[in-house]
């Protein structure tokens, strides 16, 4: 998918942006991901991909690549200055079709 082919209509974009800016939403997501996902009008394949941490599927359906990296950080966290993090490794594994850690 080229950058110009991303699907602007996907609710995943709103989900990621709100998760980035809303600490309370992130905390609720950690406690009950399903309840938070219920708040967004996600397509079934979006929801499944988020639940399964399947970044490749999200990429294939049109989630903006920048937001994929943001979502990986939100789901896996980051280690500043480490040069690599579990978030970036999970993103790369998923995009390559390898199993990502849950």
PDB file of N, CA and C in Angstrom:
ATOM      1  N   UNK A   1       0.838  -1.176   0.000  1.00  0.00           N
ATOM      2  CA  UNK A   1       0.000   0.000   0.000  1.00  0.00           C
ATOM      3  C   UNK A   1       0.879   1.234   0.000  1.00  0.00           C
ATOM      4  N   UNK A   2       0.664   2.088  -0.924  1.00  0.00           N
ATOM      5  CA  UNK A   2       1.361   3.367  -0.936  1.00  0.00           C
ATOM      6  C   UNK A   2       0.655   4.315   0.021  1.00  0.00           C
ATOM      7  N   UNK A   3       1.385   5.307   0.493  1.00  0.00           N
ATOM      8  CA  UNK A   3       0.831   6.244   1.468  1.00  0.00           C
ATOM      9  C   UNK A   3      -0.464   6.879   0.976  1.00  0.00           C
ATOM     10  N   UNK A   4      -0.554   7.152  -0.317  1.00  0.00           N
ATOM     11  CA  UNK A   4      -1.762   7.797  -0.839  1.00  0.00           C
ATOM     12  C   UNK A   4      -2.961   6.850  -0.897  1.00  0.00           C
ATOM     13  N   UNK A   5      -2.754   5.578  -0.643  1.00  0.00           N
ATOM     14  CA  UNK A   5      -3.840   4.605  -0.694  1.00  0.00           C
ATOM     15  C   UNK A   5      -4.438   4.279   0.666  1.00  0.00           C
ATOM     16  N   UNK A   6      -4.013   4.994   1.695  1.00  0.00           N
ATOM     17  CA  UNK A   6      -4.570   4.655   2.997  1.00  0.00           C
ATOM     18  C   UNK A   6      -6.044   5.074   3.058  1.00  0.00           C
ATOM     19  N   UNK A   7      -6.801   4.369   3.869  1.00  0.00           N
ATOM     20  CA  UNK A   7      -8.246   4.581   3.972  1.00  0.00           C
ATOM     21  C   UNK A   7      -8.540   5.558   5.104  1.00  0.00           C
ATOM     22  N   UNK A   8      -8.856   6.776   4.748  1.00  0.00           N
ATOM     23  CA  UNK A   8      -9.117   7.834   5.731  1.00  0.00           C
ATOM     24  C   UNK A   8     -10.337   7.547   6.598  1.00  0.00           C
ATOM     25  N   UNK A   9     -11.200   6.670   6.154  1.00  0.00           N
ATOM     26  CA  UNK A   9     -12.469   6.415   6.845  1.00  0.00           C
ATOM     27  C   UNK A   9     -12.361   5.410   7.994  1.00  0.00           C
ATOM     28  N   UNK A  10     -11.235   4.738   8.135  1.00  0.00           N
ATOM     29  CA  UNK A  10     -11.111   3.710   9.166  1.00  0.00           C
ATOM     30  C   UNK A  10     -11.151   4.321  10.565  1.00  0.00           C
ATOM     31  N   UNK A  11     -11.931   3.709  11.436  1.00  0.00           N
ATOM     32  CA  UNK A  11     -12.044   4.182  12.817  1.00  0.00           C
ATOM     33  C   UNK A  11     -10.758   3.959  13.602  1.00  0.00           C
ATOM     34  N   UNK A  12      -9.893   3.080  13.124  1.00  0.00           N
ATOM     35  CA  UNK A  12      -8.615   2.849  13.806  1.00  0.00           C
ATOM     36  C   UNK A  12      -7.823   4.141  13.926  1.00  0.00           C
ATOM     37  N   UNK A  13      -7.906   5.003  12.924  1.00  0.00           N
ATOM     38  CA  UNK A  13      -7.181   6.273  12.986  1.00  0.00           C
ATOM     39  C   UNK A  13      -7.629   7.093  14.190  1.00  0.00           C
ATOM     40  N   UNK A  14      -8.939   7.192  14.407  1.00  0.00           N
ATOM     41  CA  UNK A  14      -9.460   7.926  15.562  1.00  0.00           C
ATOM     42  C   UNK A  14      -9.069   7.233  16.864  1.00  0.00           C
ATOM     43  N   UNK A  15      -9.155   5.909  16.877  1.00  0.00           N
ATOM     44  CA  UNK A  15      -8.782   5.141  18.063  1.00  0.00           C
ATOM     45  C   UNK A  15      -7.346   5.446  18.476  1.00  0.00           C
ATOM     46  N   UNK A  16      -6.424   5.391  17.533  1.00  0.00           N
ATOM     47  CA  UNK A  16      -5.011   5.634  17.849  1.00  0.00           C
ATOM     48  C   UNK A  16      -4.810   7.064  18.344  1.00  0.00           C
ATOM     49  N   UNK A  17      -5.394   8.032  17.658  1.00  0.00           N
ATOM     50  CA  UNK A  17      -5.214   9.431  18.064  1.00  0.00           C
ATOM     51  C   UNK A  17      -5.767   9.664  19.463  1.00  0.00           C
ATOM     52  N   UNK A  18      -6.935   9.127  19.758  1.00  0.00           N
ATOM     53  CA  UNK A  18      -7.503   9.312  21.089  1.00  0.00           C
ATOM     54  C   UNK A  18      -6.681   8.598  22.151  1.00  0.00           C
ATOM     55  N   UNK A  19      -6.172   7.428  21.824  1.00  0.00           N
ATOM     56  CA  UNK A  19      -5.310   6.713  22.771  1.00  0.00           C
ATOM     57  C   UNK A  19      -4.033   7.503  23.052  1.00  0.00           C
ATOM     58  N   UNK A  20      -3.502   8.165  22.022  1.00  0.00           N
ATOM     59  CA  UNK A  20      -2.271   8.945  22.203  1.00  0.00           C
ATOM     60  C   UNK A  20      -2.480  10.087  23.189  1.00  0.00           C
ATOM     61  N   UNK A  21      -3.614  10.728  23.138  1.00  0.00           N
ATOM     62  CA  UNK A  21      -3.824  11.965  23.887  1.00  0.00           C
ATOM     63  C   UNK A  21      -4.619  11.797  25.171  1.00  0.00           C
ATOM     64  N   UNK A  22      -5.199  10.638  25.409  1.00  0.00           N
ATOM     65  CA  UNK A  22      -6.088  10.469  26.551  1.00  0.00           C
ATOM     66  C   UNK A  22      -5.556   9.380  27.483  1.00  0.00           C
ATOM     67  N   UNK A  23      -4.924   9.808  28.556  1.00  0.00           N
ATOM     68  CA  UNK A  23      -4.325   8.876  29.516  1.00  0.00           C
ATOM     69  C   UNK A  23      -5.391   7.962  30.114  1.00  0.00           C
ATOM     70  N   UNK A  24      -6.534   8.529  30.454  1.00  0.00           N
ATOM     71  CA  UNK A  24      -7.609   7.732  31.045  1.00  0.00           C
ATOM     72  C   UNK A  24      -8.073   6.631  30.088  1.00  0.00           C
ATOM     73  N   UNK A  25      -8.176   6.958  28.812  1.00  0.00           N
ATOM     74  CA  UNK A  25      -8.576   5.959  27.817  1.00  0.00           C
ATOM     75  C   UNK A  25      -7.546   4.835  27.742  1.00  0.00           C
ATOM     76  N   UNK A  26      -6.261   5.190  27.773  1.00  0.00           N
ATOM     77  CA  UNK A  26      -5.203   4.158  27.755  1.00  0.00           C
ATOM     78  C   UNK A  26      -5.306   3.258  28.976  1.00  0.00           C
ATOM     79  N   UNK A  27      -5.561   3.847  30.131  1.00  0.00           N
ATOM     80  CA  UNK A  27      -5.691   3.050  31.351  1.00  0.00           C
ATOM     81  C   UNK A  27      -6.894   2.115  31.265  1.00  0.00           C
ATOM     82  N   UNK A  28      -7.999   2.627  30.750  1.00  0.00           N
ATOM     83  CA  UNK A  28      -9.189   1.788  30.580  1.00  0.00           C
ATOM     84  C   UNK A  28      -8.923   0.675  29.577  1.00  0.00           C
ATOM     85  N   UNK A  29      -8.165   0.982  28.514  1.00  0.00           N
ATOM     86  CA  UNK A  29      -7.833  -0.030  27.513  1.00  0.00           C
ATOM     87  C   UNK A  29      -7.002  -1.150  28.135  1.00  0.00           C
ATOM     88  N   UNK A  30      -6.082  -0.801  29.019  1.00  0.00           N
ATOM     89  CA  UNK A  30      -5.272  -1.826  29.692  1.00  0.00           C
ATOM     90  C   UNK A  30      -6.146  -2.735  30.544  1.00  0.00           C
ATOM     91  N   UNK A  31      -7.173  -2.174  31.173  1.00  0.00           N
ATOM     92  CA  UNK A  31      -8.052  -2.943  32.043  1.00  0.00           C
ATOM     93  C   UNK A  31      -9.098  -3.752  31.270  1.00  0.00           C
ATOM     94  N   UNK A  32      -9.649  -3.139  30.212  1.00  0.00           N
ATOM     95  CA  UNK A  32     -10.739  -3.778  29.471  1.00  0.00           C
ATOM     96  C   UNK A  32     -10.701  -3.341  28.007  1.00  0.00           C
ATOM     97  N   UNK A  33      -9.804  -3.942  27.219  1.00  0.00           N
ATOM     98  CA  UNK A  33      -9.660  -3.522  25.826  1.00  0.00           C
ATOM     99  C   UNK A  33     -10.962  -3.601  25.036  1.00  0.00           C
ATOM    100  N   UNK A  34     -11.742  -4.630  25.257  1.00  0.00           N
ATOM    101  CA  UNK A  34     -12.981  -4.798  24.510  1.00  0.00           C
ATOM    102  C   UNK A  34     -13.952  -3.651  24.722  1.00  0.00           C
ATOM    103  N   UNK A  35     -14.069  -3.193  25.962  1.00  0.00           N
ATOM    104  CA  UNK A  35     -14.983  -2.084  26.260  1.00  0.00           C
ATOM    105  C   UNK A  35     -14.539  -0.810  25.557  1.00  0.00           C
ATOM    106  N   UNK A  36     -13.236  -0.576  25.503  1.00  0.00           N
ATOM    107  CA  UNK A  36     -12.730   0.615  24.813  1.00  0.00           C
ATOM    108  C   UNK A  36     -12.958   0.478  23.313  1.00  0.00           C
ATOM    109  N   UNK A  37     -12.655  -0.673  22.757  1.00  0.00           N
ATOM    110  CA  UNK A  37     -12.858  -0.872  21.319  1.00  0.00           C
ATOM    111  C   UNK A  37     -14.331  -0.729  20.940  1.00  0.00           C
ATOM    112  N   UNK A  38     -15.229  -1.076  21.863  1.00  0.00           N
ATOM    113  CA  UNK A  38     -16.662  -0.930  21.608  1.00  0.00           C
ATOM    114  C   UNK A  38     -17.063   0.526  21.375  1.00  0.00           C
ATOM    115  N   UNK A  39     -16.263   1.464  21.852  1.00  0.00           N
ATOM    116  CA  UNK A  39     -16.576   2.887  21.717  1.00  0.00           C
ATOM    117  C   UNK A  39     -16.321   3.410  20.304  1.00  0.00           C
ATOM    118  N   UNK A  40     -15.650   2.624  19.491  1.00  0.00           N
ATOM    119  CA  UNK A  40     -15.276   3.060  18.147  1.00  0.00           C
ATOM    120  C   UNK A  40     -16.015   2.221  17.111  1.00  0.00           C
ATOM    121  N   UNK A  41     -16.373   2.831  16.014  1.00  0.00           N
ATOM    122  CA  UNK A  41     -17.097   2.136  14.950  1.00  0.00           C
ATOM    123  C   UNK A  41     -16.112   1.401  14.038  1.00  0.00           C
ATOM    124  N   UNK A  42     -15.441   0.430  14.630  1.00  0.00           N
ATOM    125  CA  UNK A  42     -14.436  -0.349  13.917  1.00  0.00           C
ATOM    126  C   UNK A  42     -15.100  -1.389  13.022  1.00  0.00           C
ATOM    127  N   UNK A  43     -14.526  -1.576  11.840  1.00  0.00           N
ATOM    128  CA  UNK A  43     -14.927  -2.707  11.018  1.00  0.00           C
ATOM    129  C   UNK A  43     -14.493  -3.980  11.742  1.00  0.00           C
ATOM    130  N   UNK A  44     -15.181  -5.091  11.530  1.00  0.00           N
ATOM    131  CA  UNK A  44     -14.777  -6.329  12.202  1.00  0.00           C
ATOM    132  C   UNK A  44     -13.296  -6.663  11.989  1.00  0.00           C
ATOM    133  N   UNK A  45     -12.788  -6.457  10.760  1.00  0.00           N
ATOM    134  CA  UNK A  45     -11.383  -6.788  10.507  1.00  0.00           C
ATOM    135  C   UNK A  45     -10.429  -5.819  11.216  1.00  0.00           C
ATOM    136  N   UNK A  46     -10.853  -4.574  11.432  1.00  0.00           N
ATOM    137  CA  UNK A  46     -10.025  -3.636  12.202  1.00  0.00           C
ATOM    138  C   UNK A  46      -9.916  -4.116  13.645  1.00  0.00           C
ATOM    139  N   UNK A  47     -11.062  -4.412  14.227  1.00  0.00           N
ATOM    140  CA  UNK A  47     -11.095  -4.824  15.629  1.00  0.00           C
ATOM    141  C   UNK A  47     -10.263  -6.092  15.846  1.00  0.00           C
ATOM    142  N   UNK A  48     -10.473  -7.074  14.982  1.00  0.00           N
ATOM    143  CA  UNK A  48      -9.720  -8.323  15.104  1.00  0.00           C
ATOM    144  C   UNK A  48      -8.224  -8.062  15.003  1.00  0.00           C
ATOM    145  N   UNK A  49      -7.825  -7.240  14.056  1.00  0.00           N
ATOM    146  CA  UNK A  49      -6.397  -6.948  13.876  1.00  0.00           C
ATOM    147  C   UNK A  49      -5.824  -6.241  15.099  1.00  0.00           C
ATOM    148  N   UNK A  50      -6.574  -5.322  15.686  1.00  0.00           N
ATOM    149  CA  UNK A  50      -6.098  -4.648  16.900  1.00  0.00           C
ATOM    150  C   UNK A  50      -5.986  -5.654  18.033  1.00  0.00           C
ATOM    151  N   UNK A  51      -7.011  -6.465  18.223  1.00  0.00           N
ATOM    152  CA  UNK A  51      -7.000  -7.457  19.303  1.00  0.00           C
ATOM    153  C   UNK A  51      -5.860  -8.454  19.144  1.00  0.00           C
ATOM    154  N   UNK A  52      -5.550  -8.809  17.904  1.00  0.00           N
ATOM    155  CA  UNK A  52      -4.497  -9.799  17.649  1.00  0.00           C
ATOM    156  C   UNK A  52      -3.127  -9.168  17.432  1.00  0.00           C
ATOM    157  N   UNK A  53      -3.068  -7.837  17.542  1.00  0.00           N
ATOM    158  CA  UNK A  53      -1.804  -7.098  17.322  1.00  0.00           C
ATOM    159  C   UNK A  53      -1.249  -7.410  15.931  1.00  0.00           C
ATOM    160  N   UNK A  54      -2.132  -7.473  14.958  1.00  0.00           N
ATOM    161  CA  UNK A  54      -1.769  -7.818  13.582  1.00  0.00           C
ATOM    162  C   UNK A  54      -1.607  -6.540  12.760  1.00  0.00           C
ATOM    163  N   UNK A  55      -0.426  -5.959  12.839  1.00  0.00           N
ATOM    164  CA  UNK A  55      -0.157  -4.692  12.157  1.00  0.00           C
ATOM    165  C   UNK A  55      -0.179  -4.849  10.641  1.00  0.00           C
ATOM    166  N   UNK A  56       0.183  -6.017  10.160  1.00  0.00           N
ATOM    167  CA  UNK A  56       0.151  -6.271   8.711  1.00  0.00           C
ATOM    168  C   UNK A  56      -1.284  -6.192   8.199  1.00  0.00           C
ATOM    169  N   UNK A  57      -2.218  -6.790   8.926  1.00  0.00           N
ATOM    170  CA  UNK A  57      -3.622  -6.725   8.520  1.00  0.00           C
ATOM    171  C   UNK A  57      -4.117  -5.285   8.534  1.00  0.00           C
ATOM    172  N   UNK A  58      -3.736  -4.526   9.550  1.00  0.00           N
ATOM    173  CA  UNK A  58      -4.132  -3.116   9.614  1.00  0.00           C
ATOM    174  C   UNK A  58      -3.545  -2.340   8.443  1.00  0.00           C
ATOM    175  N   UNK A  59      -2.298  -2.613   8.137  1.00  0.00           N
ATOM    176  CA  UNK A  59      -1.644  -1.971   6.990  1.00  0.00           C
ATOM    177  C   UNK A  59      -2.384  -2.316   5.699  1.00  0.00           C
ATOM    178  N   UNK A  60      -2.714  -3.593   5.541  1.00  0.00           N
ATOM    179  CA  UNK A  60      -3.374  -4.057   4.318  1.00  0.00           C
ATOM    180  C   UNK A  60      -4.763  -3.446   4.123  1.00  0.00           C
ATOM    181  N   UNK A  61      -5.481  -3.171   5.223  1.00  0.00           N
ATOM    182  CA  UNK A  61      -6.817  -2.587   5.063  1.00  0.00           C
ATOM    183  C   UNK A  61      -6.778  -1.068   4.966  1.00  0.00           C
ATOM    184  N   UNK A  62      -5.593  -0.475   5.170  1.00  0.00           N
ATOM    185  CA  UNK A  62      -5.476   0.951   4.901  1.00  0.00           C
ATOM    186  C   UNK A  62      -5.182   1.855   6.072  1.00  0.00           C
ATOM    187  N   UNK A  63      -4.738   1.305   7.206  1.00  0.00           N
ATOM    188  CA  UNK A  63      -4.352   2.182   8.316  1.00  0.00           C
ATOM    189  C   UNK A  63      -3.072   2.910   7.929  1.00  0.00           C
ATOM    190  N   UNK A  64      -3.023   4.189   8.232  1.00  0.00           N
ATOM    191  CA  UNK A  64      -1.866   5.015   7.880  1.00  0.00           C
ATOM    192  C   UNK A  64      -0.606   4.450   8.548  1.00  0.00           C
ATOM    193  N   UNK A  65       0.478   4.295   7.802  1.00  0.00           N
ATOM    194  CA  UNK A  65       1.705   3.707   8.352  1.00  0.00           C
ATOM    195  C   UNK A  65       2.233   4.426   9.596  1.00  0.00           C
ATOM    196  N   UNK A  66       2.144   5.743   9.634  1.00  0.00           N
ATOM    197  CA  UNK A  66       2.608   6.470  10.826  1.00  0.00           C
ATOM    198  C   UNK A  66       1.820   6.032  12.054  1.00  0.00           C
ATOM    199  N   UNK A  67       0.511   5.876  11.884  1.00  0.00           N
ATOM    200  CA  UNK A  67      -0.311   5.497  13.028  1.00  0.00           C
ATOM    201  C   UNK A  67      -0.074   4.053  13.451  1.00  0.00           C
ATOM    202  N   UNK A  68       0.396   3.211  12.536  1.00  0.00           N
ATOM    203  CA  UNK A  68       0.769   1.848  12.930  1.00  0.00           C
ATOM    204  C   UNK A  68       1.902   1.878  13.947  1.00  0.00           C
ATOM    205  N   UNK A  69       2.897   2.731  13.706  1.00  0.00           N
ATOM    206  CA  UNK A  69       4.010   2.819  14.661  1.00  0.00           C
ATOM    207  C   UNK A  69       3.533   3.386  15.987  1.00  0.00           C
ATOM    208  N   UNK A  70       2.620   4.344  15.936  1.00  0.00           N
ATOM    209  CA  UNK A  70       2.067   4.902  17.170  1.00  0.00           C
ATOM    210  C   UNK A  70       1.273   3.841  17.935  1.00  0.00           C
ATOM    211  N   UNK A  71       0.488   3.054  17.215  1.00  0.00           N
ATOM    212  CA  UNK A  71      -0.283   1.993  17.853  1.00  0.00           C
ATOM    213  C   UNK A  71       0.638   0.954  18.486  1.00  0.00           C
ATOM    214  N   UNK A  72       1.708   0.598  17.797  1.00  0.00           N
ATOM    215  CA  UNK A  72       2.661  -0.366  18.361  1.00  0.00           C
ATOM    216  C   UNK A  72       3.219   0.151  19.682  1.00  0.00           C
ATOM    217  N   UNK A  73       3.575   1.424  19.724  1.00  0.00           N
ATOM    218  CA  UNK A  73       4.093   2.002  20.973  1.00  0.00           C
ATOM    219  C   UNK A  73       3.041   1.982  22.074  1.00  0.00           C
ATOM    220  N   UNK A  74       1.802   2.298  21.708  1.00  0.00           N
ATOM    221  CA  UNK A  74       0.735   2.301  22.705  1.00  0.00           C
ATOM    222  C   UNK A  74       0.476   0.903  23.259  1.00  0.00           C
ATOM    223  N   UNK A  75       0.550  -0.102  22.405  1.00  0.00           N
ATOM    224  CA  UNK A  75       0.255  -1.465  22.831  1.00  0.00           C
ATOM    225  C   UNK A  75       1.416  -2.134  23.553  1.00  0.00           C
ATOM    226  N   UNK A  76       2.637  -1.816  23.144  1.00  0.00           N
ATOM    227  CA  UNK A  76       3.801  -2.507  23.691  1.00  0.00           C
ATOM    228  C   UNK A  76       4.696  -1.631  24.550  1.00  0.00           C
ATOM    229  N   UNK A  77       4.505  -0.321  24.504  1.00  0.00           N
ATOM    230  CA  UNK A  77       5.372   0.582  25.244  1.00  0.00           C
ATOM    231  C   UNK A  77       6.672   0.805  24.504  1.00  0.00           C
ATOM    232  N   UNK A  78       7.496   1.678  25.058  1.00  0.00           N
ATOM    233  CA  UNK A  78       8.793   1.983  24.461  1.00  0.00           C
ATOM    234  C   UNK A  78       9.842   2.076  25.548  1.00  0.00           C
ATOM    235  N   UNK A  79      11.068   1.949  25.143  1.00  0.00           N
ATOM    236  CA  UNK A  79      12.204   2.170  26.023  1.00  0.00           C
ATOM    237  C   UNK A  79      13.024   3.260  25.362  1.00  0.00           C
ATOM    238  N   UNK A  80      12.926   4.454  25.881  1.00  0.00           N
ATOM    239  CA  UNK A  80      13.602   5.587  25.266  1.00  0.00           C
ATOM    240  C   UNK A  80      15.112   5.382  25.235  1.00  0.00           C
ATOM    241  N   UNK A  81      15.703   5.693  24.104  1.00  0.00           N
ATOM    242  CA  UNK A  81      17.150   5.645  23.967  1.00  0.00           C
ATOM    243  C   UNK A  81      17.732   4.260  23.803  1.00  0.00           C
ATOM    244  N   UNK A  82      16.883   3.246  23.735  1.00  0.00           N
ATOM    245  CA  UNK A  82      17.403   1.884  23.645  1.00  0.00           C
ATOM    246  C   UNK A  82      17.752   1.488  22.216  1.00  0.00           C
ATOM    247  N   UNK A  83      17.344   2.302  21.243  1.00  0.00           N
ATOM    248  CA  UNK A  83      17.641   1.989  19.853  1.00  0.00           C
ATOM    249  C   UNK A  83      16.644   1.035  19.238  1.00  0.00           C
ATOM    250  N   UNK A  84      15.979   0.277  20.045  1.00  0.00           N
ATOM    251  CA  UNK A  84      14.952  -0.638  19.585  1.00  0.00           C
ATOM    252  C   UNK A  84      14.039  -0.908  20.766  1.00  0.00           C
ATOM    253  N   UNK A  85      12.836  -1.262  20.491  1.00  0.00           N
ATOM    254  CA  UNK A  85      11.903  -1.554  21.574  1.00  0.00           C
ATOM    255  C   UNK A  85      11.030  -2.728  21.171  1.00  0.00           C
ATOM    256  N   UNK A  86      10.343  -3.286  22.140  1.00  0.00           N
ATOM    257  CA  UNK A  86       9.420  -4.377  21.850  1.00  0.00           C
ATOM    258  C   UNK A  86       8.350  -3.908  20.878  1.00  0.00           C
ATOM    259  N   UNK A  87       7.966  -2.631  20.978  1.00  0.00           N
ATOM    260  CA  UNK A  87       6.957  -2.087  20.060  1.00  0.00           C
ATOM    261  C   UNK A  87       7.440  -2.134  18.620  1.00  0.00           C
ATOM    262  N   UNK A  88       8.650  -1.667  18.387  1.00  0.00           N
ATOM    263  CA  UNK A  88       9.151  -1.654  17.009  1.00  0.00           C
ATOM    264  C   UNK A  88       9.404  -3.069  16.505  1.00  0.00           C
ATOM    265  N   UNK A  89       9.884  -3.940  17.368  1.00  0.00           N
ATOM    266  CA  UNK A  89      10.108  -5.327  16.959  1.00  0.00           C
ATOM    267  C   UNK A  89       8.793  -6.024  16.614  1.00  0.00           C
ATOM    268  N   UNK A  90       7.745  -5.781  17.414  1.00  0.00           N
ATOM    269  CA  UNK A  90       6.439  -6.382  17.141  1.00  0.00           C
ATOM    270  C   UNK A  90       5.872  -5.871  15.824  1.00  0.00           C
ATOM    271  N   UNK A  91       6.039  -4.587  15.568  1.00  0.00           N
ATOM    272  CA  UNK A  91       5.557  -3.999  14.318  1.00  0.00           C
ATOM    273  C   UNK A  91       6.254  -4.640  13.123  1.00  0.00           C
ATOM    274  N   UNK A  92       7.565  -4.746  13.184  1.00  0.00           N
ATOM    275  CA  UNK A  92       8.331  -5.319  12.076  1.00  0.00           C
ATOM    276  C   UNK A  92       7.979  -6.792  11.884  1.00  0.00           C
ATOM    277  N   UNK A  93       7.890  -7.554  12.986  1.00  0.00           N
ATOM    278  CA  UNK A  93       7.537  -8.975  12.875  1.00  0.00           C
ATOM    279  C   UNK A  93       6.182  -9.151  12.189  1.00  0.00           C
ATOM    280  N   UNK A  94       5.228  -8.333  12.602  1.00  0.00           N
ATOM    281  CA  UNK A  94       3.891  -8.449  12.025  1.00  0.00           C
ATOM    282  C   UNK A  94       3.894  -8.093  10.544  1.00  0.00           C
ATOM    283  N   UNK A  95       4.579  -7.023  10.185  1.00  0.00           N
ATOM    284  CA  UNK A  95       4.629  -6.614   8.782  1.00  0.00           C
ATOM    285  C   UNK A  95       5.323  -7.652   7.911  1.00  0.00           C
ATOM    286  N   UNK A  96       6.253  -8.392   8.509  1.00  0.00           N
ATOM    287  CA  UNK A  96       6.948  -9.451   7.777  1.00  0.00           C
ATOM    288  C   UNK A  96       6.173 -10.767   7.784  1.00  0.00           C
ATOM    289  N   UNK A  97       5.046 -10.789   8.482  1.00  0.00           N
ATOM    290  CA  UNK A  97       4.234 -11.999   8.530  1.00  0.00           C
ATOM    291  C   UNK A  97       4.668 -12.982   9.588  1.00  0.00           C
ATOM    292  N   UNK A  98       5.512 -12.541  10.495  1.00  0.00           N
ATOM    293  CA  UNK A  98       5.947 -13.404  11.588  1.00  0.00           C
ATOM    294  C   UNK A  98       5.009 -13.210  12.766  1.00  0.00           C
ATOM    295  N   UNK A  99       4.998 -14.152  13.681  1.00  0.00           N
ATOM    296  CA  UNK A  99       4.156 -14.020  14.864  1.00  0.00           C
ATOM    297  C   UNK A  99       4.698 -12.924  15.759  1.00  0.00           C
ATOM    298  N   UNK A 100       3.809 -12.044  16.191  1.00  0.00           N
ATOM    299  CA  UNK A 100       4.172 -11.000  17.144  1.00  0.00           C
ATOM    300  C   UNK A 100       3.836 -11.490  18.542  1.00  0.00           C
ATOM    301  N   UNK A 101       4.614 -11.074  19.524  1.00  0.00           N
ATOM    302  CA  UNK A 101       4.302 -11.471  20.895  1.00  0.00           C
ATOM    303  C   UNK A 101       3.000 -10.828  21.339  1.00  0.00           C
ATOM    304  N   UNK A 102       2.267 -11.501  22.202  1.00  0.00           N
ATOM    305  CA  UNK A 102       1.010 -10.919  22.697  1.00  0.00           C
ATOM    306  C   UNK A 102       1.196 -10.301  24.055  1.00  0.00           C
TER     307      UNK A 102
END
